[in-house]
Amino acid sequence: LSVPQVMLNVECDDIAVSLMEEQFTSAQLTIDAFTRYDLNRKFWKYRPAVPLSKDKRAWWRYAITAVVEEDVKRRLQMWSWKYIVNHLKLCKRYEKKYREKLQTLSPSSALLQEIQLMEDEMDVFNILYYRKLAKKKHKEKAQEAVSSPRPVPSAKSAPHQAVKTAAAPLAVKPSPSD
């Protein structure tokens, strides 16, 4: 429960809460129990089925395996070249698909599902970063499309139209008599 699950914004001038000491202690214990539950949930798959008093060795293996599998291997994996390359490919593919989503008025459900699957594999920082990058590229492309001049028809493509040429503006120098 270290990451907030609900955002709450309450504006009050005065609010009074009265709890007895036992109620306050009970609330703290409940919060602690949920915190421990949430922490231990990822380690359940390694937990032995026998009580501690029956097989202490199994419980030591449980402790070692849980730490190695959940912390050590994950950290080591994040620095392998294979993981880095795959992660970079995923992020680039996500940015491309998200830009594709921005370019269409009503994106297909297949595109939305593909984006969702990629988001499930990515962390929040990368999702936000590559969304921002996609929005920036989309905006630049839109501005480029608006600001780029339309091609002037050539004499070959439209013989009945005159060919327009852009003349460079003449620089006028002030005369010494002015």
N, C-alpha and C. Protein backbone atom coordinates (compact mmCIF):
# COMPACT_ATOMS: atom_id res chain seq x y z
N LEU A 1 0.81 -1.20 0.00
CA LEU A 1 0.00 0.00 0.00
C LEU A 1 0.85 1.26 0.00
N SER A 2 2.07 1.17 -0.47
CA SER A 2 2.92 2.35 -0.51
C SER A 2 2.55 3.26 -1.67
N VAL A 3 1.90 2.73 -2.72
CA VAL A 3 1.48 3.54 -3.85
C VAL A 3 0.00 3.86 -3.67
N PRO A 4 -0.39 5.14 -3.74
CA PRO A 4 -1.80 5.47 -3.54
C PRO A 4 -2.67 4.83 -4.61
N GLN A 5 -3.77 4.24 -4.19
CA GLN A 5 -4.70 3.60 -5.11
C GLN A 5 -5.86 4.52 -5.45
N VAL A 6 -6.14 5.49 -4.59
CA VAL A 6 -7.26 6.40 -4.79
C VAL A 6 -6.76 7.81 -4.55
N MET A 7 -7.13 8.72 -5.45
CA MET A 7 -6.78 10.12 -5.27
C MET A 7 -8.01 10.81 -4.69
N LEU A 8 -7.86 11.45 -3.57
CA LEU A 8 -8.97 12.09 -2.89
C LEU A 8 -8.59 13.52 -2.56
N ASN A 9 -9.44 14.44 -2.93
CA ASN A 9 -9.20 15.84 -2.63
C ASN A 9 -10.41 16.36 -1.87
N VAL A 10 -10.23 16.64 -0.59
CA VAL A 10 -11.32 17.10 0.26
C VAL A 10 -10.95 18.47 0.80
N GLU A 11 -11.87 19.40 0.64
CA GLU A 11 -11.65 20.73 1.18
C GLU A 11 -12.71 21.01 2.22
N CYS A 12 -12.27 21.11 3.43
CA CYS A 12 -13.18 21.40 4.55
C CYS A 12 -12.56 22.46 5.43
N ASP A 13 -13.41 23.27 6.02
CA ASP A 13 -12.90 24.25 6.98
C ASP A 13 -12.53 23.56 8.28
N ASP A 14 -13.44 22.77 8.79
CA ASP A 14 -13.20 22.04 10.04
C ASP A 14 -13.79 20.65 9.92
N ILE A 15 -13.06 19.69 10.41
CA ILE A 15 -13.57 18.33 10.49
C ILE A 15 -13.02 17.74 11.78
N ALA A 16 -13.89 17.13 12.51
CA ALA A 16 -13.49 16.57 13.79
C ALA A 16 -13.75 15.07 13.79
N VAL A 17 -12.76 14.32 14.21
CA VAL A 17 -12.89 12.89 14.32
C VAL A 17 -12.49 12.52 15.73
N SER A 18 -13.33 11.73 16.33
CA SER A 18 -13.06 11.32 17.70
C SER A 18 -12.98 9.80 17.74
N LEU A 19 -11.82 9.30 18.13
CA LEU A 19 -11.62 7.86 18.24
C LEU A 19 -11.09 7.54 19.63
N MET A 20 -11.55 6.42 20.11
CA MET A 20 -10.99 5.95 21.38
C MET A 20 -9.65 5.29 21.06
N GLU A 21 -8.82 5.13 22.06
CA GLU A 21 -7.50 4.57 21.85
C GLU A 21 -7.57 3.17 21.23
N GLU A 22 -8.52 2.36 21.67
CA GLU A 22 -8.66 1.00 21.13
C GLU A 22 -9.06 1.04 19.65
N GLN A 23 -9.92 1.99 19.28
CA GLN A 23 -10.33 2.11 17.88
C GLN A 23 -9.15 2.54 17.00
N PHE A 24 -8.37 3.48 17.50
CA PHE A 24 -7.21 3.94 16.75
C PHE A 24 -6.19 2.81 16.58
N THR A 25 -5.94 2.07 17.63
CA THR A 25 -5.01 0.94 17.58
C THR A 25 -5.52 -0.12 16.61
N SER A 26 -6.81 -0.39 16.65
CA SER A 26 -7.42 -1.38 15.76
C SER A 26 -7.28 -0.94 14.29
N ALA A 27 -7.49 0.34 14.02
CA ALA A 27 -7.34 0.86 12.66
C ALA A 27 -5.90 0.72 12.18
N GLN A 28 -4.94 1.02 13.04
CA GLN A 28 -3.52 0.87 12.68
C GLN A 28 -3.17 -0.58 12.39
N LEU A 29 -3.67 -1.49 13.23
CA LEU A 29 -3.39 -2.92 13.01
C LEU A 29 -4.00 -3.42 11.70
N THR A 30 -5.18 -2.92 11.39
CA THR A 30 -5.84 -3.31 10.13
C THR A 30 -5.03 -2.83 8.93
N ILE A 31 -4.56 -1.60 8.98
CA ILE A 31 -3.74 -1.06 7.89
C ILE A 31 -2.44 -1.85 7.78
N ASP A 32 -1.81 -2.17 8.90
CA ASP A 32 -0.58 -2.97 8.88
C ASP A 32 -0.83 -4.35 8.29
N ALA A 33 -1.97 -4.96 8.62
CA ALA A 33 -2.29 -6.29 8.10
C ALA A 33 -2.46 -6.25 6.58
N PHE A 34 -3.14 -5.24 6.07
CA PHE A 34 -3.31 -5.12 4.62
C PHE A 34 -1.98 -4.85 3.93
N THR A 35 -1.12 -4.09 4.56
CA THR A 35 0.20 -3.82 3.99
C THR A 35 1.02 -5.11 3.90
N ARG A 36 1.01 -5.90 4.97
CA ARG A 36 1.73 -7.18 4.96
C ARG A 36 1.13 -8.14 3.94
N TYR A 37 -0.20 -8.17 3.86
CA TYR A 37 -0.89 -9.02 2.89
C TYR A 37 -0.45 -8.67 1.47
N ASP A 38 -0.44 -7.39 1.17
CA ASP A 38 -0.05 -6.94 -0.17
C ASP A 38 1.41 -7.27 -0.47
N LEU A 39 2.28 -7.13 0.51
CA LEU A 39 3.69 -7.44 0.33
C LEU A 39 3.92 -8.94 0.13
N ASN A 40 3.24 -9.76 0.92
CA ASN A 40 3.44 -11.21 0.87
C ASN A 40 2.75 -11.88 -0.32
N ARG A 41 1.82 -11.20 -0.95
CA ARG A 41 1.06 -11.79 -2.04
C ARG A 41 1.96 -12.26 -3.18
N LYS A 42 3.01 -11.53 -3.50
CA LYS A 42 3.88 -11.93 -4.61
C LYS A 42 4.79 -13.11 -4.25
N PHE A 43 4.89 -13.44 -2.96
CA PHE A 43 5.75 -14.54 -2.53
C PHE A 43 4.98 -15.84 -2.28
N TRP A 44 3.67 -15.82 -2.38
CA TRP A 44 2.87 -17.01 -2.09
C TRP A 44 3.23 -18.20 -2.95
N LYS A 45 3.60 -17.96 -4.20
CA LYS A 45 3.89 -19.08 -5.09
C LYS A 45 5.10 -19.88 -4.64
N TYR A 46 5.96 -19.31 -3.80
CA TYR A 46 7.15 -20.00 -3.31
C TYR A 46 6.94 -20.63 -1.93
N ARG A 47 5.83 -20.34 -1.29
CA ARG A 47 5.58 -20.75 0.08
C ARG A 47 5.39 -22.26 0.20
N PRO A 48 6.08 -22.91 1.16
CA PRO A 48 5.91 -24.36 1.33
C PRO A 48 4.55 -24.69 1.94
N ALA A 49 4.07 -25.90 1.69
CA ALA A 49 2.76 -26.33 2.19
C ALA A 49 2.83 -26.91 3.59
N VAL A 50 4.02 -27.03 4.14
CA VAL A 50 4.18 -27.63 5.48
C VAL A 50 4.39 -26.54 6.52
N PRO A 51 3.98 -26.77 7.76
CA PRO A 51 4.22 -25.78 8.81
C PRO A 51 5.71 -25.64 9.12
N LEU A 52 6.08 -24.50 9.67
CA LEU A 52 7.47 -24.20 9.99
C LEU A 52 8.07 -25.23 10.94
N SER A 53 7.29 -25.67 11.93
CA SER A 53 7.80 -26.62 12.93
C SER A 53 8.12 -27.98 12.31
N LYS A 54 7.49 -28.35 11.20
CA LYS A 54 7.72 -29.66 10.58
C LYS A 54 8.94 -29.67 9.66
N ASP A 55 9.15 -28.58 8.91
CA ASP A 55 10.24 -28.58 7.93
C ASP A 55 10.88 -27.20 7.85
N LYS A 56 11.85 -26.97 8.73
CA LYS A 56 12.53 -25.67 8.76
C LYS A 56 13.35 -25.43 7.50
N ARG A 57 13.92 -26.48 6.94
CA ARG A 57 14.73 -26.35 5.74
C ARG A 57 13.89 -25.84 4.56
N ALA A 58 12.67 -26.33 4.44
CA ALA A 58 11.78 -25.88 3.36
C ALA A 58 11.48 -24.39 3.50
N TRP A 59 11.33 -23.95 4.74
CA TRP A 59 11.05 -22.53 4.95
C TRP A 59 12.27 -21.67 4.66
N TRP A 60 13.49 -22.17 4.92
CA TRP A 60 14.70 -21.44 4.55
C TRP A 60 14.82 -21.36 3.03
N ARG A 61 14.51 -22.47 2.35
CA ARG A 61 14.52 -22.46 0.88
C ARG A 61 13.50 -21.45 0.35
N TYR A 62 12.34 -21.39 0.99
CA TYR A 62 11.29 -20.43 0.62
C TYR A 62 11.82 -19.00 0.72
N ALA A 63 12.47 -18.68 1.83
CA ALA A 63 12.99 -17.32 2.03
C ALA A 63 14.05 -16.99 0.98
N ILE A 64 14.97 -17.91 0.74
CA ILE A 64 16.04 -17.66 -0.22
C ILE A 64 15.49 -17.55 -1.63
N THR A 65 14.62 -18.47 -2.01
CA THR A 65 14.04 -18.48 -3.36
C THR A 65 13.23 -17.21 -3.62
N ALA A 66 12.45 -16.81 -2.64
CA ALA A 66 11.62 -15.61 -2.81
C ALA A 66 12.47 -14.38 -3.07
N VAL A 67 13.54 -14.21 -2.31
CA VAL A 67 14.41 -13.05 -2.49
C VAL A 67 15.15 -13.12 -3.82
N VAL A 68 15.70 -14.29 -4.13
CA VAL A 68 16.47 -14.42 -5.37
C VAL A 68 15.57 -14.23 -6.59
N GLU A 69 14.43 -14.89 -6.62
CA GLU A 69 13.55 -14.84 -7.80
C GLU A 69 12.89 -13.47 -7.98
N GLU A 70 12.45 -12.86 -6.90
CA GLU A 70 11.69 -11.61 -7.02
C GLU A 70 12.56 -10.36 -7.06
N ASP A 71 13.71 -10.40 -6.45
CA ASP A 71 14.54 -9.19 -6.40
C ASP A 71 15.82 -9.31 -7.22
N VAL A 72 16.63 -10.30 -6.90
CA VAL A 72 17.96 -10.40 -7.49
C VAL A 72 17.89 -10.68 -8.99
N LYS A 73 17.15 -11.69 -9.41
CA LYS A 73 17.09 -12.04 -10.83
C LYS A 73 16.46 -10.92 -11.65
N ARG A 74 15.44 -10.30 -11.11
CA ARG A 74 14.78 -9.21 -11.85
C ARG A 74 15.75 -8.05 -12.07
N ARG A 75 16.51 -7.70 -11.05
CA ARG A 75 17.49 -6.60 -11.21
C ARG A 75 18.59 -6.98 -12.19
N LEU A 76 19.07 -8.21 -12.12
CA LEU A 76 20.10 -8.65 -13.06
C LEU A 76 19.58 -8.71 -14.48
N GLN A 77 18.34 -9.16 -14.64
CA GLN A 77 17.74 -9.25 -15.97
C GLN A 77 17.60 -7.88 -16.61
N MET A 78 17.28 -6.87 -15.83
CA MET A 78 17.07 -5.54 -16.38
C MET A 78 18.34 -4.97 -17.01
N TRP A 79 19.50 -5.49 -16.67
CA TRP A 79 20.75 -4.97 -17.22
C TRP A 79 21.34 -5.88 -18.28
N SER A 80 20.61 -6.90 -18.70
CA SER A 80 21.12 -7.75 -19.77
C SER A 80 20.83 -7.08 -21.11
N TRP A 81 21.71 -7.33 -22.09
CA TRP A 81 21.54 -6.70 -23.40
C TRP A 81 20.26 -7.15 -24.07
N LYS A 82 19.92 -8.40 -23.89
CA LYS A 82 18.70 -8.94 -24.50
C LYS A 82 17.47 -8.18 -23.98
N TYR A 83 17.42 -7.96 -22.67
CA TYR A 83 16.29 -7.24 -22.09
C TYR A 83 16.26 -5.79 -22.59
N ILE A 84 17.41 -5.15 -22.63
CA ILE A 84 17.48 -3.75 -23.05
C ILE A 84 17.02 -3.60 -24.49
N VAL A 85 17.47 -4.49 -25.37
CA VAL A 85 17.08 -4.43 -26.78
C VAL A 85 15.58 -4.66 -26.93
N ASN A 86 15.06 -5.69 -26.25
CA ASN A 86 13.63 -5.98 -26.34
C ASN A 86 12.79 -4.83 -25.77
N HIS A 87 13.25 -4.24 -24.69
CA HIS A 87 12.53 -3.13 -24.08
C HIS A 87 12.51 -1.91 -25.01
N LEU A 88 13.63 -1.64 -25.64
CA LEU A 88 13.71 -0.52 -26.57
C LEU A 88 12.80 -0.74 -27.78
N LYS A 89 12.78 -1.97 -28.30
CA LYS A 89 11.89 -2.30 -29.42
C LYS A 89 10.43 -2.11 -29.01
N LEU A 90 10.08 -2.56 -27.82
CA LEU A 90 8.72 -2.42 -27.33
C LEU A 90 8.34 -0.95 -27.21
N CYS A 91 9.23 -0.14 -26.67
CA CYS A 91 8.95 1.29 -26.49
C CYS A 91 8.78 1.99 -27.83
N LYS A 92 9.63 1.67 -28.80
CA LYS A 92 9.51 2.28 -30.13
C LYS A 92 8.23 1.85 -30.82
N ARG A 93 7.89 0.58 -30.69
CA ARG A 93 6.64 0.08 -31.29
C ARG A 93 5.43 0.75 -30.64
N TYR A 94 5.50 0.94 -29.31
CA TYR A 94 4.41 1.60 -28.59
C TYR A 94 4.25 3.05 -29.07
N GLU A 95 5.36 3.76 -29.23
CA GLU A 95 5.31 5.15 -29.68
C GLU A 95 4.68 5.23 -31.07
N LYS A 96 5.05 4.32 -31.95
CA LYS A 96 4.52 4.29 -33.31
C LYS A 96 3.01 4.01 -33.30
N LYS A 97 2.59 3.03 -32.53
CA LYS A 97 1.16 2.68 -32.46
C LYS A 97 0.35 3.79 -31.80
N TYR A 98 0.93 4.43 -30.78
CA TYR A 98 0.20 5.51 -30.11
C TYR A 98 0.06 6.71 -31.06
N ARG A 99 1.08 6.98 -31.87
CA ARG A 99 0.99 8.05 -32.87
C ARG A 99 -0.08 7.69 -33.91
N GLU A 100 -0.13 6.42 -34.28
CA GLU A 100 -1.16 5.95 -35.21
C GLU A 100 -2.55 6.17 -34.61
N LYS A 101 -2.68 5.94 -33.31
CA LYS A 101 -3.95 6.17 -32.63
C LYS A 101 -4.33 7.65 -32.67
N LEU A 102 -3.34 8.52 -32.48
CA LEU A 102 -3.60 9.96 -32.50
C LEU A 102 -4.01 10.44 -33.89
N GLN A 103 -3.51 9.79 -34.93
CA GLN A 103 -3.77 10.22 -36.30
C GLN A 103 -5.16 9.81 -36.79
N THR A 104 -5.77 8.83 -36.17
CA THR A 104 -7.09 8.38 -36.62
C THR A 104 -8.17 8.93 -35.71
N LEU A 105 -9.31 9.27 -36.30
CA LEU A 105 -10.42 9.80 -35.51
C LEU A 105 -11.04 8.73 -34.63
N SER A 106 -11.22 7.55 -35.19
CA SER A 106 -11.76 6.44 -34.39
C SER A 106 -10.86 5.22 -34.59
N PRO A 107 -9.91 5.02 -33.67
CA PRO A 107 -8.98 3.91 -33.81
C PRO A 107 -9.69 2.56 -33.70
N SER A 108 -9.18 1.59 -34.40
CA SER A 108 -9.80 0.26 -34.38
C SER A 108 -9.60 -0.40 -33.02
N SER A 109 -10.47 -1.33 -32.74
CA SER A 109 -10.36 -2.04 -31.46
C SER A 109 -9.09 -2.88 -31.41
N ALA A 110 -8.64 -3.37 -32.57
CA ALA A 110 -7.39 -4.15 -32.61
C ALA A 110 -6.21 -3.27 -32.22
N LEU A 111 -6.19 -2.03 -32.72
CA LEU A 111 -5.11 -1.10 -32.37
C LEU A 111 -5.14 -0.78 -30.88
N LEU A 112 -6.33 -0.50 -30.36
CA LEU A 112 -6.46 -0.19 -28.93
C LEU A 112 -6.04 -1.38 -28.07
N GLN A 113 -6.39 -2.57 -28.50
CA GLN A 113 -6.02 -3.77 -27.75
C GLN A 113 -4.50 -3.98 -27.79
N GLU A 114 -3.89 -3.75 -28.95
CA GLU A 114 -2.45 -3.89 -29.07
C GLU A 114 -1.72 -2.88 -28.18
N ILE A 115 -2.23 -1.65 -28.15
CA ILE A 115 -1.64 -0.62 -27.27
C ILE A 115 -1.77 -1.04 -25.81
N GLN A 116 -2.95 -1.57 -25.45
CA GLN A 116 -3.18 -2.00 -24.07
C GLN A 116 -2.23 -3.14 -23.67
N LEU A 117 -2.01 -4.07 -24.56
CA LEU A 117 -1.08 -5.18 -24.27
C LEU A 117 0.34 -4.66 -24.05
N MET A 118 0.76 -3.70 -24.86
CA MET A 118 2.09 -3.12 -24.68
C MET A 118 2.17 -2.35 -23.36
N GLU A 119 1.10 -1.63 -23.01
CA GLU A 119 1.08 -0.88 -21.75
C GLU A 119 1.16 -1.81 -20.55
N ASP A 120 0.59 -3.01 -20.68
CA ASP A 120 0.65 -3.97 -19.58
C ASP A 120 2.09 -4.42 -19.30
N GLU A 121 2.94 -4.41 -20.32
CA GLU A 121 4.33 -4.82 -20.15
C GLU A 121 5.24 -3.67 -19.71
N MET A 122 4.79 -2.43 -19.92
CA MET A 122 5.64 -1.26 -19.65
C MET A 122 5.34 -0.67 -18.29
N ASP A 123 6.29 0.11 -17.77
CA ASP A 123 6.04 0.83 -16.53
C ASP A 123 5.46 2.21 -16.85
N VAL A 124 4.93 2.85 -15.84
CA VAL A 124 4.23 4.12 -16.03
C VAL A 124 5.15 5.19 -16.61
N PHE A 125 6.39 5.25 -16.14
CA PHE A 125 7.33 6.26 -16.64
C PHE A 125 7.50 6.16 -18.14
N ASN A 126 7.74 4.94 -18.65
CA ASN A 126 7.94 4.76 -20.09
C ASN A 126 6.67 5.03 -20.88
N ILE A 127 5.52 4.64 -20.35
CA ILE A 127 4.25 4.92 -21.03
C ILE A 127 4.08 6.42 -21.21
N LEU A 128 4.25 7.16 -20.13
CA LEU A 128 4.08 8.62 -20.20
C LEU A 128 5.12 9.26 -21.10
N TYR A 129 6.36 8.81 -21.01
CA TYR A 129 7.42 9.38 -21.83
C TYR A 129 7.14 9.17 -23.32
N TYR A 130 6.80 7.95 -23.71
CA TYR A 130 6.60 7.67 -25.13
C TYR A 130 5.28 8.22 -25.65
N ARG A 131 4.29 8.40 -24.78
CA ARG A 131 3.08 9.11 -25.20
C ARG A 131 3.40 10.57 -25.51
N LYS A 132 4.19 11.17 -24.63
CA LYS A 132 4.58 12.57 -24.84
C LYS A 132 5.38 12.71 -26.13
N LEU A 133 6.28 11.77 -26.37
CA LEU A 133 7.07 11.78 -27.60
C LEU A 133 6.18 11.62 -28.84
N ALA A 134 5.21 10.72 -28.76
CA ALA A 134 4.29 10.50 -29.89
C ALA A 134 3.44 11.75 -30.14
N LYS A 135 2.97 12.39 -29.07
CA LYS A 135 2.18 13.61 -29.23
C LYS A 135 3.02 14.73 -29.85
N LYS A 136 4.28 14.83 -29.43
CA LYS A 136 5.18 15.85 -29.98
C LYS A 136 5.41 15.61 -31.47
N LYS A 137 5.70 14.36 -31.86
CA LYS A 137 5.91 14.05 -33.28
C LYS A 137 4.64 14.26 -34.09
N HIS A 138 3.50 13.93 -33.50
CA HIS A 138 2.21 14.13 -34.19
C HIS A 138 1.96 15.62 -34.41
N LYS A 139 2.25 16.41 -33.40
CA LYS A 139 2.06 17.86 -33.50
C LYS A 139 3.00 18.46 -34.55
N GLU A 140 4.27 18.02 -34.54
CA GLU A 140 5.24 18.52 -35.52
C GLU A 140 4.81 18.14 -36.94
N LYS A 141 4.32 16.94 -37.12
CA LYS A 141 3.88 16.50 -38.44
C LYS A 141 2.67 17.30 -38.90
N ALA A 142 1.76 17.61 -37.97
CA ALA A 142 0.58 18.41 -38.31
C ALA A 142 0.99 19.83 -38.68
N GLN A 143 1.93 20.42 -37.93
CA GLN A 143 2.40 21.77 -38.25
C GLN A 143 3.16 21.78 -39.56
N GLU A 144 3.90 20.74 -39.83
CA GLU A 144 4.65 20.64 -41.09
C GLU A 144 3.68 20.56 -42.27
N ALA A 145 2.60 19.82 -42.09
CA ALA A 145 1.61 19.70 -43.17
C ALA A 145 0.92 21.03 -43.43
N VAL A 146 0.67 21.80 -42.38
CA VAL A 146 0.01 23.10 -42.52
C VAL A 146 0.95 24.13 -43.12
N SER A 147 2.20 24.14 -42.66
CA SER A 147 3.14 25.18 -43.09
C SER A 147 3.83 24.88 -44.41
N SER A 148 3.82 23.65 -44.86
CA SER A 148 4.51 23.35 -46.12
C SER A 148 3.70 23.91 -47.29
N PRO A 149 4.38 24.59 -48.23
CA PRO A 149 3.66 25.18 -49.36
C PRO A 149 3.14 24.10 -50.29
N ARG A 150 2.03 24.41 -50.91
CA ARG A 150 1.46 23.46 -51.87
C ARG A 150 2.29 23.55 -53.14
N PRO A 151 2.49 22.42 -53.79
CA PRO A 151 3.32 22.44 -55.01
C PRO A 151 2.64 23.24 -56.12
N VAL A 152 3.45 24.01 -56.81
CA VAL A 152 2.96 24.81 -57.92
C VAL A 152 2.91 23.92 -59.15
N PRO A 153 1.80 23.93 -59.89
CA PRO A 153 1.73 23.05 -61.06
C PRO A 153 2.76 23.46 -62.10
N SER A 154 3.37 22.48 -62.72
CA SER A 154 4.40 22.76 -63.73
C SER A 154 3.73 22.92 -65.10
N ALA A 155 4.50 23.42 -66.05
CA ALA A 155 3.97 23.63 -67.40
C ALA A 155 3.61 22.31 -68.05
N LYS A 156 4.33 21.24 -67.71
CA LYS A 156 4.05 19.93 -68.31
C LYS A 156 2.73 19.36 -67.79
N SER A 157 2.48 19.52 -66.46
CA SER A 157 1.28 18.93 -65.90
C SER A 157 0.03 19.74 -66.22
N ALA A 158 0.17 21.04 -66.38
CA ALA A 158 -0.98 21.89 -66.67
C ALA A 158 -0.56 22.94 -67.68
N PRO A 159 -0.60 22.63 -68.97
CA PRO A 159 -0.10 23.57 -69.97
C PRO A 159 -0.95 24.83 -70.07
N HIS A 160 -2.20 24.76 -69.66
CA HIS A 160 -3.06 25.92 -69.79
C HIS A 160 -2.86 26.92 -68.66
N GLN A 161 -2.12 26.54 -67.61
CA GLN A 161 -1.87 27.45 -66.49
C GLN A 161 -0.46 28.00 -66.60
N ALA A 162 -0.33 29.21 -66.20
CA ALA A 162 1.00 29.84 -66.21
C ALA A 162 1.81 29.30 -65.05
N VAL A 163 3.09 29.15 -65.27
CA VAL A 163 3.99 28.67 -64.23
C VAL A 163 4.32 29.84 -63.33
N LYS A 164 4.10 29.64 -62.04
CA LYS A 164 4.39 30.70 -61.07
C LYS A 164 5.81 30.53 -60.58
N THR A 165 6.51 31.61 -60.56
CA THR A 165 7.86 31.58 -60.01
C THR A 165 7.92 32.58 -58.88
N ALA A 166 8.65 32.22 -57.88
CA ALA A 166 8.79 33.11 -56.73
C ALA A 166 10.01 33.97 -56.94
N ALA A 167 9.80 35.25 -56.95
CA ALA A 167 10.91 36.19 -57.12
C ALA A 167 11.44 36.57 -55.76
N ALA A 168 12.73 36.68 -55.66
CA ALA A 168 13.33 37.07 -54.39
C ALA A 168 13.09 38.56 -54.19
N PRO A 169 12.75 38.97 -52.97
CA PRO A 169 12.52 40.39 -52.73
C PRO A 169 13.81 41.17 -52.93
N LEU A 170 13.67 42.34 -53.51
CA LEU A 170 14.82 43.19 -53.76
C LEU A 170 15.15 43.97 -52.50
N ALA A 171 16.41 44.02 -52.20
CA ALA A 171 16.84 44.80 -51.05
C ALA A 171 17.02 46.25 -51.51
N VAL A 172 16.40 47.16 -50.80
CA VAL A 172 16.48 48.56 -51.15
C VAL A 172 17.45 49.22 -50.18
N LYS A 173 18.50 49.82 -50.72
CA LYS A 173 19.47 50.48 -49.87
C LYS A 173 19.07 51.96 -49.76
N PRO A 174 19.17 52.50 -48.57
CA PRO A 174 18.86 53.92 -48.45
C PRO A 174 19.93 54.76 -49.18
N SER A 175 19.46 55.76 -49.84
CA SER A 175 20.41 56.62 -50.59
C SER A 175 21.16 57.52 -49.63
N PRO A 176 22.41 57.88 -49.95
CA PRO A 176 23.20 58.71 -49.04
C PRO A 176 22.61 60.09 -48.86
N SER A 177 21.76 60.54 -49.78
CA SER A 177 21.21 61.89 -49.64
C SER A 177 20.09 61.95 -48.62
N ASP A 178 19.53 60.79 -48.21
CA ASP A 178 18.43 60.80 -47.24
C ASP A 178 18.90 61.12 -45.87
